[in-house]
Protein backbone atom coordinates (compact mmCIF):
# COMPACT_ATOMS: atom_id res chain seq x y z
CA UNK A 1 132.25 175.44 155.46
CA UNK A 2 128.91 175.60 157.24
CA UNK A 3 127.28 173.94 160.25
CA UNK A 4 123.53 174.47 159.72
CA UNK A 5 122.39 172.04 162.41
CA UNK A 6 124.60 173.45 165.16
CA UNK A 7 123.54 176.91 163.99
CA UNK A 8 119.95 175.78 164.37
CA UNK A 9 120.64 174.80 168.00
CA UNK A 10 121.83 178.36 168.61
CA UNK A 11 118.89 179.90 166.76
CA UNK A 12 116.39 177.84 168.73
CA UNK A 13 118.27 178.14 172.03
CA UNK A 14 120.80 180.25 173.91
CA UNK A 15 124.48 180.59 173.04
CA UNK A 16 126.71 181.21 176.08
CA UNK A 17 129.84 183.08 174.99
CA UNK A 18 131.70 182.94 178.31
CA UNK A 19 131.48 179.26 179.18
CA UNK A 20 134.55 177.33 180.38
CA UNK A 21 135.80 173.77 180.21
CA UNK A 22 137.00 172.10 183.38
CA UNK A 23 140.57 172.02 182.10
CA UNK A 24 142.66 172.51 179.00
CA UNK A 25 142.99 168.75 178.28
CA UNK A 26 140.55 165.85 178.17
CA UNK A 27 140.69 163.83 181.40
CA UNK A 28 140.49 166.57 184.05
CA UNK A 29 137.92 168.46 182.01
CA UNK A 30 135.67 165.40 181.89
CA UNK A 31 136.25 164.66 185.58
CA UNK A 32 135.16 168.23 186.39
CA UNK A 33 132.03 167.84 184.27
CA UNK A 34 131.11 164.50 185.82
CA UNK A 35 131.77 165.35 189.49
CA UNK A 36 131.34 169.11 189.96
CA UNK A 37 134.91 169.84 191.10
CA UNK A 38 137.39 172.28 189.59
CA UNK A 39 141.01 171.22 189.19
CA UNK A 40 142.08 172.67 192.52
CA UNK A 41 140.05 170.00 194.33
CA UNK A 42 139.76 167.28 191.70
CA UNK A 43 141.14 163.74 191.95
CA UNK A 44 142.04 163.97 188.24
CA UNK A 45 144.02 167.11 187.39
CA UNK A 46 145.83 165.98 184.26
CA UNK A 47 145.77 163.48 181.44
CA UNK A 48 146.66 159.82 181.88
CA UNK A 49 144.76 156.67 182.70
CA UNK A 50 143.52 157.77 186.14
CA UNK A 51 140.14 156.22 186.96
CA UNK A 52 137.28 157.59 188.99
CA UNK A 53 137.24 156.23 192.55
CA UNK A 54 134.41 154.38 194.28
CA UNK A 55 133.78 157.44 196.45
CA UNK A 56 133.40 159.80 193.48
CA UNK A 57 129.79 160.78 192.83
CA UNK A 58 128.89 161.39 189.19
CA UNK A 59 126.04 163.16 187.43
CA UNK A 60 124.80 159.74 186.34
CA UNK A 61 124.51 158.54 189.94
CA UNK A 62 122.69 161.69 191.00
CA UNK A 63 120.17 161.46 188.16
CA UNK A 64 119.67 157.70 188.37
CA UNK A 65 118.50 158.22 191.96
CA UNK A 66 115.70 160.33 190.48
CA UNK A 67 114.61 157.61 188.06
CA UNK A 68 116.60 158.66 185.01
CA UNK A 69 118.02 156.06 182.65
CA UNK A 70 121.65 156.95 182.10
CA UNK A 71 124.08 156.29 179.26
CA UNK A 72 127.56 157.35 178.19
CA UNK A 73 128.20 156.81 174.49
CA UNK A 74 131.44 157.63 172.67
CA UNK A 75 134.63 158.52 174.52
CA UNK A 76 134.71 157.94 178.29
CA UNK A 77 138.32 158.31 179.49
CA UNK A 78 137.69 157.96 183.23
CA UNK A 79 138.27 154.26 183.84
CA UNK A 80 139.29 151.14 181.96
CA UNK A 81 138.48 147.47 182.53
CA UNK A 82 139.50 146.31 185.99
CA UNK A 83 139.20 149.77 187.58
CA UNK A 84 136.44 151.35 189.68
CA UNK A 85 136.04 153.97 186.96
CA UNK A 86 134.16 151.72 184.55
CA UNK A 87 130.86 153.36 183.51
CA UNK A 88 128.64 150.58 184.99
CA UNK A 89 130.33 151.26 188.35
CA UNK A 90 129.80 155.02 188.09
CA UNK A 91 126.04 155.26 187.65
CA UNK A 92 125.58 154.44 183.97
CA UNK A 93 122.90 151.93 182.99
CA UNK A 94 124.36 151.70 179.50
CA UNK A 95 127.71 152.49 177.93
CA UNK A 96 129.22 152.07 174.48
CA UNK A 97 132.42 153.34 172.92
CA UNK A 98 136.01 153.97 173.90
CA UNK A 99 137.18 153.58 177.49
CA UNK A 100 140.62 155.22 177.28
CA UNK A 101 142.07 158.29 175.60
CA UNK A 102 144.60 156.61 173.32
CA UNK A 103 142.06 154.23 171.83
CA UNK A 104 139.75 157.18 171.15
CA UNK A 105 142.35 158.64 168.76
CA UNK A 106 141.49 155.86 166.32
CA UNK A 107 138.64 156.86 164.05
CA UNK A 108 138.44 153.27 162.78
CA UNK A 109 138.85 150.32 165.13
CA UNK A 110 138.03 146.63 165.34
CA UNK A 111 136.78 146.78 168.93
CA UNK A 112 134.87 149.02 171.31
CA UNK A 113 133.34 148.46 174.76
CA UNK A 114 129.75 147.85 175.75
CA UNK A 115 128.93 148.11 179.45
CA UNK A 116 132.61 147.72 180.28
CA UNK A 117 133.18 144.61 178.16
CA UNK A 118 135.16 144.50 174.93
CA UNK A 119 133.17 143.73 171.79
CA UNK A 120 134.18 143.29 168.16
CA UNK A 121 133.01 145.90 165.66
CA UNK A 122 133.37 146.18 161.90
CA UNK A 123 136.73 147.92 161.28
CA UNK A 124 135.47 149.29 157.95
CA UNK A 125 132.82 151.38 159.72
CA UNK A 126 133.59 154.86 160.98
CA UNK A 127 133.53 154.71 164.77
CA UNK A 128 131.57 157.94 165.20
CA UNK A 129 128.87 156.56 162.90
CA UNK A 130 128.58 153.59 165.26
CA UNK A 131 128.42 155.98 168.22
CA UNK A 132 125.59 157.95 166.59
CA UNK A 133 123.62 154.80 165.81
CA UNK A 134 123.96 153.71 169.43
CA UNK A 135 122.80 157.11 170.69
CA UNK A 136 119.75 156.97 168.43
CA UNK A 137 118.93 153.48 169.67
CA UNK A 138 119.22 154.55 173.31
CA UNK A 139 116.91 157.53 172.81
CA UNK A 140 114.30 155.48 170.97
CA UNK A 141 114.35 152.61 173.46
CA UNK A 142 114.10 154.96 176.41
CA UNK A 143 111.24 156.83 174.76
CA UNK A 144 109.35 153.53 174.46
CA UNK A 145 109.71 153.11 178.24
CA UNK A 146 108.44 156.66 178.78
CA UNK A 147 111.39 157.12 181.13
CA UNK A 148 113.44 160.30 181.59
CA UNK A 149 117.02 159.92 180.42
CA UNK A 150 120.50 161.40 180.68
CA UNK A 151 122.72 160.81 177.65
CA UNK A 152 126.38 161.83 177.87
CA UNK A 153 127.38 161.69 174.20
CA UNK A 154 131.08 162.21 173.44
CA UNK A 155 132.31 162.43 169.86
CA UNK A 156 136.04 161.96 169.24
CA UNK A 157 136.11 164.54 166.46
CA UNK A 158 137.55 166.83 165.22
CA UNK A 159 140.25 165.47 167.52
CA UNK A 160 143.26 163.82 165.89
CA UNK A 161 143.56 161.51 164.14
CA UNK A 162 142.24 163.57 161.26
CA UNK A 163 140.34 160.94 159.33
CA UNK A 164 136.78 160.94 158.01
CA UNK A 165 134.86 158.94 155.36
CA UNK A 166 135.16 159.97 151.73
CA UNK A 167 131.64 161.37 151.49
CA UNK A 168 132.57 163.99 154.09
CA UNK A 169 135.99 164.70 152.53
CA UNK A 170 134.78 165.06 148.94
CA UNK A 171 133.19 168.55 149.24
CA UNK A 172 136.55 169.95 150.40
CA UNK A 173 138.92 168.25 147.98
CA UNK A 174 141.32 170.79 146.48
CA UNK A 175 139.82 173.75 148.33
CA UNK A 176 142.67 174.43 150.76
CA UNK A 177 146.45 174.89 150.43
CA UNK A 178 147.29 171.64 152.22
CA UNK A 179 150.37 170.79 154.27
CA UNK A 180 150.37 166.98 154.43
CA UNK A 181 150.83 165.28 157.79
CA UNK A 182 153.07 162.23 157.52
CA UNK A 183 153.62 159.57 160.15
CA UNK A 184 156.43 157.34 158.89
CA UNK A 185 155.81 154.51 161.31
CA UNK A 186 154.97 151.34 159.45
CA UNK A 187 151.70 150.77 161.30
CA UNK A 188 150.42 154.33 160.91
CA UNK A 189 149.29 154.20 157.29
CA UNK A 190 146.50 156.48 156.02
CA UNK A 191 144.00 153.73 155.31
CA UNK A 192 141.67 152.20 157.93
CA UNK A 193 143.33 149.25 159.59
CA UNK A 194 142.09 147.10 162.48
CA UNK A 195 143.80 147.29 165.85
CA UNK A 196 146.11 149.90 167.33
CA UNK A 197 148.39 152.03 165.17
CA UNK A 198 151.70 153.68 165.93
CA UNK A 199 150.33 157.17 166.36
CA UNK A 200 147.96 159.23 164.26
CA UNK A 201 147.69 157.90 160.72
CA UNK A 202 149.16 160.01 157.93
CA UNK A 203 146.81 162.51 156.33
CA UNK A 204 147.72 164.13 153.00
CA UNK A 205 144.88 166.70 153.24
CA UNK A 206 144.45 167.59 156.94
CA UNK A 207 142.44 170.79 156.29
CA UNK A 208 139.91 168.94 154.17
CA UNK A 209 139.76 166.19 156.80
CA UNK A 210 139.17 168.72 159.58
CA UNK A 211 136.40 170.43 157.62
CA UNK A 212 134.85 167.07 156.83
CA UNK A 213 134.89 166.04 160.49
CA UNK A 214 133.21 169.26 161.61
CA UNK A 215 130.50 169.01 158.99
CA UNK A 216 129.96 165.33 159.84
CA UNK A 217 129.45 166.09 163.53
CA UNK A 218 127.00 168.80 162.41
CA UNK A 219 125.13 166.13 160.48
CA UNK A 220 124.99 163.93 163.58
CA UNK A 221 123.54 166.83 165.58
CA UNK A 222 120.81 167.29 163.01
CA UNK A 223 119.95 163.60 163.02
CA UNK A 224 119.67 163.50 166.80
CA UNK A 225 117.50 166.63 167.07
CA UNK A 226 115.23 165.25 164.35
CA UNK A 227 114.92 162.02 166.32
CA UNK A 228 113.88 163.91 169.45
CA UNK A 229 111.18 165.61 167.41
CA UNK A 230 109.90 162.35 165.92
CA UNK A 231 109.77 160.72 169.35
CA UNK A 232 107.81 163.64 170.79
CA UNK A 233 110.64 164.46 173.21
CA UNK A 234 111.64 167.85 171.84
CA UNK A 235 109.88 170.07 174.37
CA UNK A 236 110.95 167.94 177.33
CA UNK A 237 114.64 167.54 176.49
CA UNK A 238 117.51 169.90 177.31
CA UNK A 239 120.27 169.59 174.70
CA UNK A 240 123.70 171.04 175.50
CA UNK A 241 126.51 171.29 172.95
CA UNK A 242 130.01 171.99 174.30
CA UNK A 243 133.64 170.82 174.31
CA UNK A 244 136.29 169.59 176.74
CA UNK A 245 139.05 172.08 175.76
CA UNK A 246 140.19 174.50 173.10
CA UNK A 247 141.43 173.63 169.60
CA UNK A 248 144.39 171.28 169.16
CA UNK A 249 147.36 171.04 166.79
CA UNK A 250 148.12 167.32 166.91
CA UNK A 251 148.07 165.04 163.89
CA UNK A 252 148.38 167.79 161.29
CA UNK A 253 145.73 170.12 162.68
CA UNK A 254 146.40 173.85 162.40
CA UNK A 255 144.11 175.90 164.67
CA UNK A 256 145.32 179.15 163.08
CA UNK A 257 144.18 178.20 159.58
CA UNK A 258 140.46 178.17 160.42
CA UNK A 259 140.86 180.64 163.31
CA UNK A 260 139.48 177.90 165.55
CA UNK A 261 139.95 179.96 168.73
CA UNK A 262 138.55 183.13 167.18
CA UNK A 263 140.06 186.17 168.89
CA UNK A 264 141.18 184.17 171.93
CA UNK A 265 144.81 183.60 172.87
CA UNK A 266 146.11 180.06 173.17
CA UNK A 267 144.97 176.54 172.32
CA UNK A 268 144.71 173.17 174.06
CA UNK A 269 147.22 172.91 176.94
CA UNK A 270 147.12 176.67 177.56
CA UNK A 271 145.25 178.30 180.43
CA UNK A 272 144.69 181.41 178.37
CA UNK A 273 141.12 181.79 177.10
CA UNK A 274 141.77 179.87 173.89
CA UNK A 275 142.58 176.75 175.87
CA UNK A 276 139.64 176.78 178.27
CA UNK A 277 136.81 178.98 176.95
CA UNK A 278 134.65 176.68 174.85
CA UNK A 279 131.34 176.72 172.96
CA UNK A 280 128.13 176.21 174.93
CA UNK A 281 124.74 176.09 173.25
CA UNK A 282 121.63 175.19 175.24
CA UNK A 283 118.36 174.27 173.51
CA UNK A 284 115.12 173.37 175.25
CA UNK A 285 112.04 174.66 173.39
CA UNK A 286 109.70 176.55 175.68
CA UNK A 287 112.18 176.70 178.57
CA UNK A 288 115.52 178.03 177.26
CA UNK A 289 114.98 181.34 175.42
CA UNK A 290 115.44 181.07 171.65
CA UNK A 291 117.85 183.22 169.68
CA UNK A 292 119.54 184.56 172.79
CA UNK A 293 123.24 185.24 173.35
CA UNK A 294 124.40 185.35 176.97
CA UNK A 295 127.75 186.47 178.40
CA UNK A 296 126.98 184.86 181.77
CA UNK A 297 130.15 183.01 182.89
CA UNK A 298 129.93 179.41 184.08
CA UNK A 299 131.90 176.20 183.75
CA UNK A 300 131.86 172.40 183.51
CA UNK A 301 131.75 172.01 187.29
CA UNK A 302 128.37 173.77 187.31
CA UNK A 303 126.67 171.09 185.22
CA UNK A 304 126.09 168.57 188.01
CA UNK A 305 124.22 170.99 190.32
CA UNK A 306 122.36 172.45 187.34
CA UNK A 307 121.10 169.04 186.22
CA UNK A 308 120.34 168.10 189.81
CA UNK A 309 118.14 171.17 190.34
CA UNK A 310 116.27 170.54 187.09
CA UNK A 311 115.67 166.91 188.13
CA UNK A 312 114.84 167.68 191.78
CA UNK A 313 117.91 165.79 192.99
CA UNK A 314 120.51 166.42 195.69
CA UNK A 315 124.25 166.87 195.12
CA UNK A 316 127.26 166.32 197.41
CA UNK A 317 127.81 169.25 199.73
CA UNK A 318 131.50 169.69 198.96
CA UNK A 319 131.41 170.29 195.20
CA UNK A 320 132.63 173.53 193.63
CA UNK A 321 129.77 173.97 191.19
CA UNK A 322 126.56 175.96 191.55
CA UNK A 323 123.30 175.49 189.69
CA UNK A 324 122.91 177.66 186.61
CA UNK A 325 119.30 176.67 185.99
CA UNK A 326 118.15 180.30 186.12
CA UNK A 327 120.77 181.30 183.53
CA UNK A 328 119.42 178.59 181.24
CA UNK A 329 115.92 180.03 181.62
CA UNK A 330 117.21 183.53 180.84
CA UNK A 331 116.63 184.75 184.39
CA UNK A 332 119.02 186.74 186.64
CA UNK A 333 121.65 184.31 187.91
CA UNK A 334 124.53 184.67 190.39
CA UNK A 335 127.85 183.20 189.38
CA UNK A 336 131.18 182.38 191.03
CA UNK A 337 133.29 185.13 192.52
CA UNK A 338 136.34 183.17 191.37
CA UNK A 339 136.90 180.48 188.72
CA UNK A 340 140.06 178.37 189.12
CA UNK A 341 142.18 176.11 186.92
CA UNK A 342 145.57 174.43 187.35
CA UNK A 343 147.60 172.42 184.87
CA UNK A 344 150.60 170.17 185.47
CA UNK A 345 151.99 169.01 182.11
CA UNK A 346 154.65 171.71 181.72
CA UNK A 347 155.43 172.53 185.31
CA UNK A 348 152.63 174.16 187.28
CA UNK A 349 150.30 176.67 185.64
CA UNK A 350 147.37 178.38 187.33
CA UNK A 351 144.57 180.59 186.08
CA UNK A 352 141.84 182.55 187.84
CA UNK A 353 138.88 184.49 186.55
CA UNK A 354 137.50 187.12 188.94
CA UNK A 355 134.74 189.22 187.42
CA UNK A 356 136.21 190.47 184.15
CA UNK A 357 139.75 190.01 185.43
CA UNK A 358 141.77 187.01 184.25
CA UNK A 359 145.04 186.02 185.92
CA UNK A 360 147.57 183.47 184.65
CA UNK A 361 150.73 182.26 186.38
CA UNK A 362 153.46 179.96 185.01
CA UNK A 363 155.09 178.53 188.13
CA UNK A 364 154.44 179.09 191.81
CA UNK A 365 157.23 181.63 192.24
CA UNK A 366 156.31 183.56 189.10
CA UNK A 367 154.40 186.82 189.09
CA UNK A 368 150.77 186.88 188.05
CA UNK A 369 149.85 188.12 184.60
CA UNK A 370 146.59 190.10 184.69
CA UNK A 371 144.21 190.83 181.83
CA UNK A 372 140.95 192.78 181.60
CA UNK A 373 138.68 190.53 179.52
CA UNK A 374 136.13 193.32 179.09
CA UNK A 375 138.56 195.29 176.91
CA UNK A 376 141.18 192.68 176.05
CA UNK A 377 139.58 189.31 175.32
CA UNK A 378 142.74 188.26 173.46
CA UNK A 379 144.84 188.65 176.65
CA UNK A 380 147.42 190.78 174.86
CA UNK A 381 148.05 193.46 177.51
CA UNK A 382 149.30 192.44 180.94
CA UNK A 383 147.99 195.14 183.30
CA UNK A 384 149.17 193.63 186.59
CA UNK A 385 151.46 196.57 187.32
CA UNK A 386 148.55 199.01 186.94
CA UNK A 387 146.19 197.09 189.26
CA UNK A 388 148.14 195.87 192.30
CA UNK A 389 144.93 195.77 194.36
CA UNK A 390 143.38 193.22 191.98
CA UNK A 391 146.56 191.14 191.96
CA UNK A 392 146.57 191.15 195.76
CA UNK A 393 142.93 190.02 195.91
CA UNK A 394 143.59 187.15 193.52
CA UNK A 395 146.76 186.15 195.38
CA UNK A 396 144.77 186.00 198.62
CA UNK A 397 142.22 183.75 196.91
CA UNK A 398 144.98 181.48 195.59
CA UNK A 399 146.21 180.70 199.11
CA UNK A 400 143.15 178.49 199.62
CA UNK A 401 142.16 177.70 196.05
CA UNK A 402 143.57 174.19 195.94
CA UNK A 403 144.05 171.14 198.12
CA UNK A 404 147.47 169.50 198.25
CA UNK A 405 147.74 166.24 196.34
CA UNK A 406 150.54 163.68 196.32
CA UNK A 407 149.49 162.74 192.81
CA UNK A 408 149.57 166.35 191.65
CA UNK A 409 152.46 168.04 193.49
CA UNK A 410 153.49 171.58 192.66
CA UNK A 411 156.48 171.39 190.32
CA UNK A 412 157.93 174.88 190.36
CA UNK A 413 159.67 175.09 187.00
CA UNK A 414 159.83 178.49 185.29
CA UNK A 415 159.31 178.28 181.55
CA UNK A 416 160.28 180.42 178.61
CA UNK A 417 157.75 181.72 176.13
CA UNK A 418 158.81 179.02 173.67
CA UNK A 419 158.04 176.36 176.27
CA UNK A 420 154.53 177.74 176.58
């Protein structure tokens, strides 16, 4: 299947092939993007309903200080009702969509949230259609005010549950050798139903559903870019297209079938490249070079300082990110000496990128695996024994790479390959 509108973004902008998510699952990745911290220093280092704190400074707060109108539309995941993480308390003038991760698994629902307050929506309407309509309204209304804006637009697709309207499924009917996904719980039927369900709804044709979801998000991208053009905002708007982690296998998804991670090893919940290296396309006509492919490495925690520099704003002194504004313009750009990730769901995993070297460790008392990404992007050959000097340098970095956290203690639990 094809994605002509996303392809157009790449043709008219720059595609960054070595861009990284903040984590390998949703919540910490989004926290990193919003606040400029990697998971060694972040308040949120794993999934769960952990809200932003009052003292956290978000991109929205930084840009609103410079006169930007700010909105988060779609999935939020950093604070529910009654917590300090609600979007209106974190710098957003407008918000619409899902507040928590579990609710965002439902592609049809009878309620969403506007500005932190629950509202009823038509359960027969596809939620991502509602999200797109809201994004279009925000852009048009802000254009009428002639006010600069920051829109953080989060689609909950092609995440599970794998469910998409018939018009997006129809082109793929019968095209793939399907393995049906069945959830036998009584309230997890395959048809749209208001309210919560007992897990992902059954899907008899998950490959067709996945393809339909990807092509539908491509359609949304085309509609939004066309709107920017009609509003006369095209040349003054930076559009970034990226993801919060690698491909998943929940709800009947099979990342191997469509080679969703390409040549990369691993998927969501891995700290190998397939779990954390994600797409990044930047389009800004006249500013970001068109038709360019860049291997400059950067990550979610660089977005806050990048946006701040472009808007002439200040950022907190303690963040881990650095501005990549020059990289966006196609100019020479320094990057981090070290990139760091940690993950707590299956013990304590760590990963470091240092130049073209990539290190992964499964447990604090385990030896580092070392890969040369320049010659082994699939992380197939552990060369730690051949490069003890590189391992030593990375180990020295790791001594100060993270702050201790009572919420995220080190759980030293060696794992077998099957556990990983």
